[in-house]
Protein backbone atom coordinates (compact mmCIF):
# COMPACT_ATOMS: atom_id res chain seq x y z
CA MET A 1 12.41 4.24 -7.95
CA LEU A 2 9.77 4.49 -10.98
CA LEU A 3 6.39 3.05 -9.43
CA VAL A 4 3.93 2.34 -11.94
CA ASN A 5 0.44 0.48 -12.07
CA THR A 6 0.79 -0.60 -15.83
CA ASP A 7 3.01 -3.89 -16.91
CA TYR A 8 5.35 -1.73 -19.11
CA ILE A 9 7.47 1.68 -19.17
CA THR A 10 7.50 3.04 -22.44
CA GLY A 11 10.69 3.18 -24.27
CA LYS A 12 12.07 0.45 -21.57
CA GLU A 13 13.07 -2.74 -21.78
CA LEU A 14 12.33 -4.72 -18.87
CA GLU A 15 14.20 -7.75 -17.45
CA MET A 16 11.74 -9.02 -14.49
CA LEU A 17 13.43 -10.08 -11.33
CA GLY A 18 10.36 -10.98 -9.19
CA LEU A 19 7.36 -10.18 -6.98
CA VAL A 20 7.76 -7.81 -4.16
CA LYS A 21 5.36 -6.66 -1.39
CA GLY A 22 5.17 -4.72 1.35
CA SER A 23 2.23 -4.85 4.17
CA THR A 24 1.01 -3.51 7.45
CA ILE A 25 -1.73 -3.50 9.91
CA GLN A 26 -2.91 -0.45 11.17
CA THR A 27 -5.56 0.48 13.72
CA ARG A 28 -6.90 3.61 15.56
CA ASN A 29 -6.98 4.20 19.39
CA VAL A 30 -10.06 3.34 21.15
CA GLY A 31 -11.08 7.17 21.67
CA ARG A 32 -11.10 7.82 17.96
CA ASP A 33 -12.60 4.39 17.61
CA ILE A 34 -15.54 5.50 19.57
CA THR A 35 -15.71 8.99 17.92
CA GLN A 36 -15.79 7.57 14.30
CA GLY A 37 -18.63 5.31 15.87
CA PHE A 38 -20.77 8.40 16.04
CA LYS A 39 -19.93 9.89 12.58
CA THR A 40 -21.58 6.75 11.43
CA LEU A 41 -25.12 7.79 12.86
CA VAL A 42 -24.68 11.13 10.77
CA GLY A 43 -23.04 10.17 7.94
CA GLY A 44 -19.94 11.87 6.37
CA GLU A 45 -16.41 10.71 5.80
CA LEU A 46 -14.67 8.76 8.72
CA LYS A 47 -11.31 11.16 8.68
CA ALA A 48 -9.31 9.32 11.05
CA TYR A 49 -10.03 6.08 9.00
CA THR A 50 -8.97 7.88 5.65
CA GLU A 51 -5.76 9.21 7.44
CA MET A 52 -5.33 5.63 9.28
CA MET A 53 -5.81 3.74 5.21
CA ASN A 54 -3.23 6.45 3.88
CA GLU A 55 -0.37 6.10 6.25
CA ALA A 56 -0.98 2.09 6.11
CA ARG A 57 -0.38 2.53 2.51
CA GLU A 58 2.34 4.74 2.27
CA LEU A 59 4.12 2.24 4.86
CA ALA A 60 3.37 -0.59 2.64
CA THR A 61 4.54 1.14 -0.25
CA SER A 62 7.52 1.87 1.20
CA ARG A 63 8.35 -1.63 2.60
CA MET A 64 7.75 -3.15 -1.09
CA VAL A 65 10.52 -0.27 -2.49
CA GLN A 66 12.74 -1.68 0.22
CA GLU A 67 12.49 -5.02 -0.81
CA ALA A 68 12.81 -4.28 -4.43
CA GLU A 69 15.83 -2.27 -3.70
CA ALA A 70 17.03 -5.07 -2.14
CA LEU A 71 16.67 -7.13 -5.56
CA GLY A 72 18.44 -4.19 -7.40
CA ALA A 73 15.46 -3.02 -9.27
CA ASP A 74 14.91 0.03 -11.05
CA ALA A 75 11.28 0.45 -10.75
CA ILE A 76 8.12 -1.85 -9.89
CA VAL A 77 5.54 -2.35 -12.38
CA ASN A 78 2.07 -3.66 -12.18
CA ILE A 79 1.77 -2.09 -8.80
CA ARG A 80 -1.59 -3.36 -7.04
CA PHE A 81 -3.07 -2.32 -3.22
CA VAL A 82 -5.19 -4.71 -1.62
CA SER A 83 -6.99 -4.17 2.02
CA SER A 84 -9.06 -6.06 4.47
CA SER A 85 -10.41 -5.89 7.90
CA VAL A 86 -8.66 -7.60 10.58
CA MET A 87 -10.85 -6.93 13.52
CA GLN A 88 -13.06 -4.00 14.50
CA GLY A 89 -10.89 -1.08 13.48
CA ALA A 90 -7.88 -2.42 12.25
CA ALA A 91 -7.11 -3.08 8.63
CA GLU A 92 -4.22 -4.96 7.14
CA VAL A 93 -2.62 -3.44 3.53
CA VAL A 94 -0.96 -5.21 1.10
CA ALA A 95 1.33 -3.54 -1.57
CA TYR A 96 2.58 -5.62 -4.40
CA GLY A 97 4.06 -5.76 -8.08
CA THR A 98 6.72 -6.69 -10.38
CA ALA A 99 10.54 -5.58 -9.59
CA VAL A 100 12.34 -4.79 -12.82
CA LYS A 101 15.58 -4.11 -13.69
CA PHE A 102 16.25 -1.53 -17.38
CA VAL A 103 17.84 -3.17 -19.98
């Protein structure tokens, strides 16, 4: 499955199959949440949250790809990611794009 954030693939004619998306809501455990809270006092990267968001993007992308495969897609174009805070220490990540088949 080819994944791109452009609305075309050079040298390919595309048939649009439709919108596909994947999402997840992730959180860290309370112990890590507390230690990351202390980190905000001194500054620097919140590594536990960086890892959480990377995992969330991977899972959302995987779910989007599964939806595209069910449609018989060869690729997903114009991929975008959106994230939002659901509650303290929890974030939703949505990956979406257009499933296409090569003509």
